[in-house]
Amino acid sequence: MINEITVNVDEKLAVDKFNVDEANPHIVLKADPDASEFDKLILCCPAGLYKRDADGQTSFDYAGCLECGTCRILCGDTIIEKWEYPQAGMGVSYRYG
């Protein structure tokens, strides 16, 4: 018998606290990001911040960022205009849950 372990990522992320710096986004994308580069981030961002709707329109919201740097590593030279850690007291606060 194999024990199946399932994790609901949305539940785990909901436990974390986010202090969003509305005046100074720590991630800024270039004006017209390349579609294939954006698709990398749709697949790889652990917080699911990069999205494409049924009409093909892309969206991104830095507010739920986990500050892991995945987007910076994958696309820092292509579609990311700015990536830096949030200012002190801002960003994600991890909590056990």
PDB file of N, CA and C in Angstrom:
ATOM      1  N   MET A   1       0.843  -1.178   0.000  1.00  0.00           N
ATOM      2  CA  MET A   1       0.000   0.000   0.000  1.00  0.00           C
ATOM      3  C   MET A   1       0.892   1.247   0.000  1.00  0.00           C
ATOM      4  N   ILE A   2       0.616   2.124  -0.899  1.00  0.00           N
ATOM      5  CA  ILE A   2       1.362   3.377  -0.999  1.00  0.00           C
ATOM      6  C   ILE A   2       0.566   4.480  -0.316  1.00  0.00           C
ATOM      7  N   ASN A   3       1.226   5.182   0.593  1.00  0.00           N
ATOM      8  CA  ASN A   3       0.572   6.318   1.240  1.00  0.00           C
ATOM      9  C   ASN A   3       0.670   7.526   0.337  1.00  0.00           C
ATOM     10  N   GLU A   4      -0.463   8.099   0.046  1.00  0.00           N
ATOM     11  CA  GLU A   4      -0.479   9.298  -0.787  1.00  0.00           C
ATOM     12  C   GLU A   4      -0.482  10.529   0.091  1.00  0.00           C
ATOM     13  N   ILE A   5       0.433  11.414  -0.176  1.00  0.00           N
ATOM     14  CA  ILE A   5       0.495  12.668   0.566  1.00  0.00           C
ATOM     15  C   ILE A   5       0.074  13.774  -0.380  1.00  0.00           C
ATOM     16  N   THR A   6      -0.910  14.532   0.025  1.00  0.00           N
ATOM     17  CA  THR A   6      -1.330  15.665  -0.787  1.00  0.00           C
ATOM     18  C   THR A   6      -1.184  16.934   0.034  1.00  0.00           C
ATOM     19  N   VAL A   7      -0.756  17.968  -0.640  1.00  0.00           N
ATOM     20  CA  VAL A   7      -0.571  19.263   0.005  1.00  0.00           C
ATOM     21  C   VAL A   7      -1.370  20.292  -0.776  1.00  0.00           C
ATOM     22  N   ASN A   8      -2.171  21.047  -0.089  1.00  0.00           N
ATOM     23  CA  ASN A   8      -2.903  22.124  -0.722  1.00  0.00           C
ATOM     24  C   ASN A   8      -2.056  23.387  -0.597  1.00  0.00           C
ATOM     25  N   VAL A   9      -1.423  23.774  -1.699  1.00  0.00           N
ATOM     26  CA  VAL A   9      -0.504  24.910  -1.697  1.00  0.00           C
ATOM     27  C   VAL A   9      -1.223  26.200  -1.310  1.00  0.00           C
ATOM     28  N   ASP A  10      -2.434  26.381  -1.801  1.00  0.00           N
ATOM     29  CA  ASP A  10      -3.180  27.594  -1.467  1.00  0.00           C
ATOM     30  C   ASP A  10      -3.414  27.718   0.038  1.00  0.00           C
ATOM     31  N   GLU A  11      -3.711  26.595   0.700  1.00  0.00           N
ATOM     32  CA  GLU A  11      -3.891  26.626   2.154  1.00  0.00           C
ATOM     33  C   GLU A  11      -2.602  27.010   2.860  1.00  0.00           C
ATOM     34  N   LYS A  12      -1.481  26.455   2.411  1.00  0.00           N
ATOM     35  CA  LYS A  12      -0.193  26.755   3.037  1.00  0.00           C
ATOM     36  C   LYS A  12       0.189  28.222   2.826  1.00  0.00           C
ATOM     37  N   LEU A  13      -0.027  28.735   1.614  1.00  0.00           N
ATOM     38  CA  LEU A  13       0.309  30.133   1.338  1.00  0.00           C
ATOM     39  C   LEU A  13      -0.589  31.091   2.117  1.00  0.00           C
ATOM     40  N   ALA A  14      -1.826  30.683   2.380  1.00  0.00           N
ATOM     41  CA  ALA A  14      -2.760  31.549   3.105  1.00  0.00           C
ATOM     42  C   ALA A  14      -2.323  31.794   4.541  1.00  0.00           C
ATOM     43  N   VAL A  15      -1.475  30.928   5.080  1.00  0.00           N
ATOM     44  CA  VAL A  15      -0.987  31.085   6.448  1.00  0.00           C
ATOM     45  C   VAL A  15       0.046  32.216   6.527  1.00  0.00           C
ATOM     46  N   ASP A  16       0.785  32.429   5.436  1.00  0.00           N
ATOM     47  CA  ASP A  16       1.808  33.475   5.419  1.00  0.00           C
ATOM     48  C   ASP A  16       1.179  34.863   5.465  1.00  0.00           C
ATOM     49  N   LYS A  17       1.954  35.806   5.928  1.00  0.00           N
ATOM     50  CA  LYS A  17       1.491  37.192   6.009  1.00  0.00           C
ATOM     51  C   LYS A  17       2.286  38.017   5.007  1.00  0.00           C
ATOM     52  N   PHE A  18       1.597  38.888   4.275  1.00  0.00           N
ATOM     53  CA  PHE A  18       2.243  39.718   3.271  1.00  0.00           C
ATOM     54  C   PHE A  18       2.030  41.191   3.606  1.00  0.00           C
ATOM     55  N   ASN A  19       3.113  41.927   3.764  1.00  0.00           N
ATOM     56  CA  ASN A  19       3.064  43.380   3.940  1.00  0.00           C
ATOM     57  C   ASN A  19       3.489  43.982   2.607  1.00  0.00           C
ATOM     58  N   VAL A  20       2.524  44.471   1.868  1.00  0.00           N
ATOM     59  CA  VAL A  20       2.767  44.938   0.508  1.00  0.00           C
ATOM     60  C   VAL A  20       3.126  46.418   0.502  1.00  0.00           C
ATOM     61  N   ASP A  21       4.227  46.737  -0.139  1.00  0.00           N
ATOM     62  CA  ASP A  21       4.664  48.119  -0.311  1.00  0.00           C
ATOM     63  C   ASP A  21       4.035  48.636  -1.611  1.00  0.00           C
ATOM     64  N   GLU A  22       2.868  49.238  -1.489  1.00  0.00           N
ATOM     65  CA  GLU A  22       2.119  49.709  -2.667  1.00  0.00           C
ATOM     66  C   GLU A  22       2.876  50.793  -3.439  1.00  0.00           C
ATOM     67  N   ALA A  23       3.688  51.570  -2.751  1.00  0.00           N
ATOM     68  CA  ALA A  23       4.387  52.694  -3.390  1.00  0.00           C
ATOM     69  C   ALA A  23       5.659  52.262  -4.116  1.00  0.00           C
ATOM     70  N   ASN A  24       6.181  51.085  -3.785  1.00  0.00           N
ATOM     71  CA  ASN A  24       7.462  50.667  -4.355  1.00  0.00           C
ATOM     72  C   ASN A  24       7.435  49.170  -4.668  1.00  0.00           C
ATOM     73  N   PRO A  25       6.911  48.780  -5.837  1.00  0.00           N
ATOM     74  CA  PRO A  25       6.899  47.355  -6.176  1.00  0.00           C
ATOM     75  C   PRO A  25       8.318  46.817  -6.307  1.00  0.00           C
ATOM     76  N   HIS A  26       8.569  45.657  -5.751  1.00  0.00           N
ATOM     77  CA  HIS A  26       9.924  45.099  -5.796  1.00  0.00           C
ATOM     78  C   HIS A  26      10.184  44.295  -7.063  1.00  0.00           C
ATOM     79  N   ILE A  27       9.132  43.996  -7.827  1.00  0.00           N
ATOM     80  CA  ILE A  27       9.280  43.349  -9.129  1.00  0.00           C
ATOM     81  C   ILE A  27       8.510  44.160 -10.150  1.00  0.00           C
ATOM     82  N   VAL A  28       9.178  44.514 -11.227  1.00  0.00           N
ATOM     83  CA  VAL A  28       8.538  45.265 -12.315  1.00  0.00           C
ATOM     84  C   VAL A  28       8.891  44.545 -13.615  1.00  0.00           C
ATOM     85  N   LEU A  29       7.866  44.263 -14.412  1.00  0.00           N
ATOM     86  CA  LEU A  29       8.088  43.631 -15.709  1.00  0.00           C
ATOM     87  C   LEU A  29       8.245  44.679 -16.794  1.00  0.00           C
ATOM     88  N   LYS A  30       8.917  44.303 -17.874  1.00  0.00           N
ATOM     89  CA  LYS A  30       9.043  45.196 -19.022  1.00  0.00           C
ATOM     90  C   LYS A  30       7.668  45.413 -19.637  1.00  0.00           C
ATOM     91  N   ALA A  31       7.515  46.484 -20.375  1.00  0.00           N
ATOM     92  CA  ALA A  31       6.216  46.905 -20.894  1.00  0.00           C
ATOM     93  C   ALA A  31       5.514  45.847 -21.742  1.00  0.00           C
ATOM     94  N   ASP A  32       6.222  45.190 -22.628  1.00  0.00           N
ATOM     95  CA  ASP A  32       5.605  44.199 -23.513  1.00  0.00           C
ATOM     96  C   ASP A  32       6.396  42.896 -23.410  1.00  0.00           C
ATOM     97  N   PRO A  33       6.146  42.109 -22.349  1.00  0.00           N
ATOM     98  CA  PRO A  33       6.972  40.912 -22.134  1.00  0.00           C
ATOM     99  C   PRO A  33       6.779  39.864 -23.225  1.00  0.00           C
ATOM    100  N   ASP A  34       7.859  39.204 -23.590  1.00  0.00           N
ATOM    101  CA  ASP A  34       7.831  38.124 -24.562  1.00  0.00           C
ATOM    102  C   ASP A  34       6.944  36.990 -24.038  1.00  0.00           C
ATOM    103  N   ALA A  35       6.055  36.490 -24.889  1.00  0.00           N
ATOM    104  CA  ALA A  35       5.069  35.483 -24.477  1.00  0.00           C
ATOM    105  C   ALA A  35       5.730  34.196 -23.993  1.00  0.00           C
ATOM    106  N   SER A  36       6.763  33.724 -24.671  1.00  0.00           N
ATOM    107  CA  SER A  36       7.395  32.468 -24.261  1.00  0.00           C
ATOM    108  C   SER A  36       8.131  32.621 -22.927  1.00  0.00           C
ATOM    109  N   GLU A  37       8.712  33.783 -22.699  1.00  0.00           N
ATOM    110  CA  GLU A  37       9.375  34.038 -21.421  1.00  0.00           C
ATOM    111  C   GLU A  37       8.336  34.121 -20.301  1.00  0.00           C
ATOM    112  N   PHE A  38       7.218  34.756 -20.576  1.00  0.00           N
ATOM    113  CA  PHE A  38       6.142  34.861 -19.585  1.00  0.00           C
ATOM    114  C   PHE A  38       5.606  33.476 -19.242  1.00  0.00           C
ATOM    115  N   ASP A  39       5.496  32.610 -20.263  1.00  0.00           N
ATOM    116  CA  ASP A  39       5.002  31.251 -20.043  1.00  0.00           C
ATOM    117  C   ASP A  39       5.905  30.470 -19.095  1.00  0.00           C
ATOM    118  N   LYS A  40       7.201  30.721 -19.141  1.00  0.00           N
ATOM    119  CA  LYS A  40       8.123  30.079 -18.191  1.00  0.00           C
ATOM    120  C   LYS A  40       7.705  30.400 -16.757  1.00  0.00           C
ATOM    121  N   LEU A  41       7.354  31.666 -16.560  1.00  0.00           N
ATOM    122  CA  LEU A  41       7.004  32.106 -15.207  1.00  0.00           C
ATOM    123  C   LEU A  41       5.640  31.587 -14.780  1.00  0.00           C
ATOM    124  N   ILE A  42       4.727  31.427 -15.723  1.00  0.00           N
ATOM    125  CA  ILE A  42       3.431  30.829 -15.402  1.00  0.00           C
ATOM    126  C   ILE A  42       3.648  29.420 -14.851  1.00  0.00           C
ATOM    127  N   LEU A  43       4.546  28.691 -15.469  1.00  0.00           N
ATOM    128  CA  LEU A  43       4.812  27.313 -15.056  1.00  0.00           C
ATOM    129  C   LEU A  43       5.637  27.207 -13.777  1.00  0.00           C
ATOM    130  N   CYS A  44       6.537  28.137 -13.545  1.00  0.00           N
ATOM    131  CA  CYS A  44       7.540  27.956 -12.486  1.00  0.00           C
ATOM    132  C   CYS A  44       7.337  28.772 -11.219  1.00  0.00           C
ATOM    133  N   CYS A  45       6.575  29.843 -11.256  1.00  0.00           N
ATOM    134  CA  CYS A  45       6.394  30.659 -10.046  1.00  0.00           C
ATOM    135  C   CYS A  45       5.626  29.856  -8.994  1.00  0.00           C
ATOM    136  N   PRO A  46       6.241  29.573  -7.838  1.00  0.00           N
ATOM    137  CA  PRO A  46       5.557  28.756  -6.827  1.00  0.00           C
ATOM    138  C   PRO A  46       4.337  29.441  -6.218  1.00  0.00           C
ATOM    139  N   ALA A  47       4.256  30.757  -6.308  1.00  0.00           N
ATOM    140  CA  ALA A  47       3.101  31.478  -5.773  1.00  0.00           C
ATOM    141  C   ALA A  47       2.017  31.684  -6.823  1.00  0.00           C
ATOM    142  N   GLY A  48       2.278  31.324  -8.072  1.00  0.00           N
ATOM    143  CA  GLY A  48       1.285  31.461  -9.138  1.00  0.00           C
ATOM    144  C   GLY A  48       0.926  32.904  -9.448  1.00  0.00           C
ATOM    145  N   LEU A  49       1.922  33.796  -9.425  1.00  0.00           N
ATOM    146  CA  LEU A  49       1.655  35.223  -9.626  1.00  0.00           C
ATOM    147  C   LEU A  49       1.542  35.625 -11.086  1.00  0.00           C
ATOM    148  N   TYR A  50       2.028  34.779 -11.974  1.00  0.00           N
ATOM    149  CA  TYR A  50       2.001  35.079 -13.407  1.00  0.00           C
ATOM    150  C   TYR A  50       0.866  34.265 -14.026  1.00  0.00           C
ATOM    151  N   LYS A  51      -0.067  34.940 -14.715  1.00  0.00           N
ATOM    152  CA  LYS A  51      -1.250  34.257 -15.232  1.00  0.00           C
ATOM    153  C   LYS A  51      -1.581  34.708 -16.646  1.00  0.00           C
ATOM    154  N   ARG A  52      -2.269  33.813 -17.350  1.00  0.00           N
ATOM    155  CA  ARG A  52      -2.802  34.122 -18.675  1.00  0.00           C
ATOM    156  C   ARG A  52      -4.256  33.663 -18.670  1.00  0.00           C
ATOM    157  N   ASP A  53      -5.184  34.567 -19.045  1.00  0.00           N
ATOM    158  CA  ASP A  53      -6.600  34.200 -19.048  1.00  0.00           C
ATOM    159  C   ASP A  53      -6.984  33.522 -20.364  1.00  0.00           C
ATOM    160  N   ALA A  54      -8.240  33.151 -20.492  1.00  0.00           N
ATOM    161  CA  ALA A  54      -8.733  32.430 -21.664  1.00  0.00           C
ATOM    162  C   ALA A  54      -8.576  33.233 -22.952  1.00  0.00           C
ATOM    163  N   ASP A  55      -8.554  34.556 -22.841  1.00  0.00           N
ATOM    164  CA  ASP A  55      -8.386  35.427 -24.018  1.00  0.00           C
ATOM    165  C   ASP A  55      -6.921  35.661 -24.363  1.00  0.00           C
ATOM    166  N   GLY A  56      -6.010  35.104 -23.569  1.00  0.00           N
ATOM    167  CA  GLY A  56      -4.583  35.259 -23.836  1.00  0.00           C
ATOM    168  C   GLY A  56      -3.953  36.469 -23.169  1.00  0.00           C
ATOM    169  N   GLN A  57      -4.727  37.200 -22.383  1.00  0.00           N
ATOM    170  CA  GLN A  57      -4.201  38.378 -21.678  1.00  0.00           C
ATOM    171  C   GLN A  57      -3.391  37.922 -20.466  1.00  0.00           C
ATOM    172  N   THR A  58      -2.241  38.532 -20.296  1.00  0.00           N
ATOM    173  CA  THR A  58      -1.386  38.183 -19.166  1.00  0.00           C
ATOM    174  C   THR A  58      -1.623  39.119 -17.995  1.00  0.00           C
ATOM    175  N   SER A  59      -1.353  38.605 -16.796  1.00  0.00           N
ATOM    176  CA  SER A  59      -1.442  39.440 -15.596  1.00  0.00           C
ATOM    177  C   SER A  59      -0.354  39.004 -14.623  1.00  0.00           C
ATOM    178  N   PHE A  60       0.054  39.931 -13.796  1.00  0.00           N
ATOM    179  CA  PHE A  60       1.077  39.697 -12.791  1.00  0.00           C
ATOM    180  C   PHE A  60       0.782  40.579 -11.597  1.00  0.00           C
ATOM    181  N   ASP A  61       0.936  40.014 -10.393  1.00  0.00           N
ATOM    182  CA  ASP A  61       0.736  40.782  -9.169  1.00  0.00           C
ATOM    183  C   ASP A  61       1.835  40.402  -8.189  1.00  0.00           C
ATOM    184  N   TYR A  62       2.681  41.348  -7.855  1.00  0.00           N
ATOM    185  CA  TYR A  62       3.810  41.079  -6.959  1.00  0.00           C
ATOM    186  C   TYR A  62       3.388  40.930  -5.502  1.00  0.00           C
ATOM    187  N   ALA A  63       2.138  41.229  -5.181  1.00  0.00           N
ATOM    188  CA  ALA A  63       1.694  41.279  -3.790  1.00  0.00           C
ATOM    189  C   ALA A  63       1.847  39.954  -3.044  1.00  0.00           C
ATOM    190  N   GLY A  64       1.725  38.826  -3.705  1.00  0.00           N
ATOM    191  CA  GLY A  64       1.840  37.539  -3.028  1.00  0.00           C
ATOM    192  C   GLY A  64       3.187  36.877  -3.224  1.00  0.00           C
ATOM    193  N   CYS A  65       4.198  37.663  -3.532  1.00  0.00           N
ATOM    194  CA  CYS A  65       5.525  37.138  -3.846  1.00  0.00           C
ATOM    195  C   CYS A  65       6.155  36.446  -2.639  1.00  0.00           C
ATOM    196  N   LEU A  66       6.762  35.283  -2.893  1.00  0.00           N
ATOM    197  CA  LEU A  66       7.457  34.538  -1.850  1.00  0.00           C
ATOM    198  C   LEU A  66       8.933  34.899  -1.750  1.00  0.00           C
ATOM    199  N   GLU A  67       9.387  35.805  -2.612  1.00  0.00           N
ATOM    200  CA  GLU A  67      10.766  36.294  -2.625  1.00  0.00           C
ATOM    201  C   GLU A  67      11.779  35.175  -2.850  1.00  0.00           C
ATOM    202  N   CYS A  68      11.409  34.175  -3.629  1.00  0.00           N
ATOM    203  CA  CYS A  68      12.295  33.035  -3.876  1.00  0.00           C
ATOM    204  C   CYS A  68      13.319  33.326  -4.963  1.00  0.00           C
ATOM    205  N   GLY A  69      13.014  34.261  -5.860  1.00  0.00           N
ATOM    206  CA  GLY A  69      13.940  34.614  -6.924  1.00  0.00           C
ATOM    207  C   GLY A  69      13.824  33.773  -8.177  1.00  0.00           C
ATOM    208  N   THR A  70      12.853  32.882  -8.245  1.00  0.00           N
ATOM    209  CA  THR A  70      12.689  32.035  -9.419  1.00  0.00           C
ATOM    210  C   THR A  70      12.541  32.871 -10.689  1.00  0.00           C
ATOM    211  N   CYS A  71      11.717  33.893 -10.655  1.00  0.00           N
ATOM    212  CA  CYS A  71      11.502  34.727 -11.846  1.00  0.00           C
ATOM    213  C   CYS A  71      12.783  35.475 -12.229  1.00  0.00           C
ATOM    214  N   ARG A  72      13.521  35.911 -11.253  1.00  0.00           N
ATOM    215  CA  ARG A  72      14.783  36.617 -11.518  1.00  0.00           C
ATOM    216  C   ARG A  72      15.794  35.691 -12.177  1.00  0.00           C
ATOM    217  N   ILE A  73      15.864  34.469 -11.708  1.00  0.00           N
ATOM    218  CA  ILE A  73      16.810  33.509 -12.271  1.00  0.00           C
ATOM    219  C   ILE A  73      16.407  33.094 -13.679  1.00  0.00           C
ATOM    220  N   LEU A  74      15.127  32.818 -13.881  1.00  0.00           N
ATOM    221  CA  LEU A  74      14.662  32.350 -15.193  1.00  0.00           C
ATOM    222  C   LEU A  74      14.599  33.444 -16.250  1.00  0.00           C
ATOM    223  N   CYS A  75      14.169  34.641 -15.862  1.00  0.00           N
ATOM    224  CA  CYS A  75      13.876  35.670 -16.859  1.00  0.00           C
ATOM    225  C   CYS A  75      14.420  37.042 -16.498  1.00  0.00           C
ATOM    226  N   GLY A  76      15.390  37.094 -15.619  1.00  0.00           N
ATOM    227  CA  GLY A  76      15.934  38.369 -15.171  1.00  0.00           C
ATOM    228  C   GLY A  76      16.562  39.207 -16.261  1.00  0.00           C
ATOM    229  N   ASP A  77      17.045  38.559 -17.306  1.00  0.00           N
ATOM    230  CA  ASP A  77      17.671  39.301 -18.404  1.00  0.00           C
ATOM    231  C   ASP A  77      16.729  39.532 -19.569  1.00  0.00           C
ATOM    232  N   THR A  78      15.502  39.013 -19.478  1.00  0.00           N
ATOM    233  CA  THR A  78      14.607  39.104 -20.633  1.00  0.00           C
ATOM    234  C   THR A  78      13.389  39.988 -20.400  1.00  0.00           C
ATOM    235  N   ILE A  79      12.540  39.640 -19.434  1.00  0.00           N
ATOM    236  CA  ILE A  79      11.293  40.398 -19.280  1.00  0.00           C
ATOM    237  C   ILE A  79      11.156  41.117 -17.941  1.00  0.00           C
ATOM    238  N   ILE A  80      12.136  40.960 -17.075  1.00  0.00           N
ATOM    239  CA  ILE A  80      12.053  41.637 -15.781  1.00  0.00           C
ATOM    240  C   ILE A  80      12.872  42.915 -15.814  1.00  0.00           C
ATOM    241  N   GLU A  81      12.172  44.007 -15.595  1.00  0.00           N
ATOM    242  CA  GLU A  81      12.800  45.338 -15.575  1.00  0.00           C
ATOM    243  C   GLU A  81      13.543  45.560 -14.256  1.00  0.00           C
ATOM    244  N   LYS A  82      12.907  45.118 -13.153  1.00  0.00           N
ATOM    245  CA  LYS A  82      13.479  45.332 -11.820  1.00  0.00           C
ATOM    246  C   LYS A  82      13.091  44.165 -10.921  1.00  0.00           C
ATOM    247  N   TRP A  83      14.050  43.667 -10.170  1.00  0.00           N
ATOM    248  CA  TRP A  83      13.802  42.664  -9.137  1.00  0.00           C
ATOM    249  C   TRP A  83      14.728  42.980  -7.975  1.00  0.00           C
ATOM    250  N   GLU A  84      14.138  43.218  -6.819  1.00  0.00           N
ATOM    251  CA  GLU A  84      14.907  43.454  -5.599  1.00  0.00           C
ATOM    252  C   GLU A  84      14.083  42.963  -4.423  1.00  0.00           C
ATOM    253  N   TYR A  85      14.732  42.707  -3.319  1.00  0.00           N
ATOM    254  CA  TYR A  85      13.972  42.323  -2.138  1.00  0.00           C
ATOM    255  C   TYR A  85      13.185  43.533  -1.649  1.00  0.00           C
ATOM    256  N   PRO A  86      12.004  43.307  -1.052  1.00  0.00           N
ATOM    257  CA  PRO A  86      11.225  44.426  -0.506  1.00  0.00           C
ATOM    258  C   PRO A  86      12.013  45.145   0.590  1.00  0.00           C
ATOM    259  N   GLN A  87      11.631  46.374   0.820  1.00  0.00           N
ATOM    260  CA  GLN A  87      12.272  47.161   1.872  1.00  0.00           C
ATOM    261  C   GLN A  87      11.974  46.537   3.237  1.00  0.00           C
ATOM    262  N   ALA A  88      12.776  46.893   4.227  1.00  0.00           N
ATOM    263  CA  ALA A  88      12.641  46.332   5.577  1.00  0.00           C
ATOM    264  C   ALA A  88      11.205  46.455   6.093  1.00  0.00           C
ATOM    265  N   GLY A  89      10.719  45.377   6.660  1.00  0.00           N
ATOM    266  CA  GLY A  89       9.367  45.370   7.212  1.00  0.00           C
ATOM    267  C   GLY A  89       8.295  45.062   6.191  1.00  0.00           C
ATOM    268  N   MET A  90       8.673  44.938   4.934  1.00  0.00           N
ATOM    269  CA  MET A  90       7.709  44.663   3.862  1.00  0.00           C
ATOM    270  C   MET A  90       7.970  43.263   3.321  1.00  0.00           C
ATOM    271  N   GLY A  91       7.033  42.770   2.527  1.00  0.00           N
ATOM    272  CA  GLY A  91       7.188  41.463   1.894  1.00  0.00           C
ATOM    273  C   GLY A  91       6.533  40.358   2.695  1.00  0.00           C
ATOM    274  N   VAL A  92       7.009  39.146   2.481  1.00  0.00           N
ATOM    275  CA  VAL A  92       6.395  37.961   3.090  1.00  0.00           C
ATOM    276  C   VAL A  92       6.974  37.693   4.479  1.00  0.00           C
ATOM    277  N   SER A  93       6.081  37.266   5.363  1.00  0.00           N
ATOM    278  CA  SER A  93       6.475  36.759   6.677  1.00  0.00           C
ATOM    279  C   SER A  93       5.968  35.326   6.745  1.00  0.00           C
ATOM    280  N   TYR A  94       6.898  34.384   6.740  1.00  0.00           N
ATOM    281  CA  TYR A  94       6.509  32.969   6.742  1.00  0.00           C
ATOM    282  C   TYR A  94       6.023  32.571   8.122  1.00  0.00           C
ATOM    283  N   ARG A  95       4.971  31.763   8.126  1.00  0.00           N
ATOM    284  CA  ARG A  95       4.405  31.256   9.372  1.00  0.00           C
ATOM    285  C   ARG A  95       4.180  29.750   9.233  1.00  0.00           C
ATOM    286  N   TYR A  96       4.376  29.062  10.294  1.00  0.00           N
ATOM    287  CA  TYR A  96       4.151  27.614  10.274  1.00  0.00           C
ATOM    288  C   TYR A  96       2.651  27.358  10.160  1.00  0.00           C
ATOM    289  N   GLY A  97       2.283  26.415   9.300  1.00  0.00           N
ATOM    290  CA  GLY A  97       0.851  26.138   9.189  1.00  0.00           C
ATOM    291  C   GLY A  97       0.519  24.853   8.581  1.00  0.00           C
TER     292      GLY A  97
END
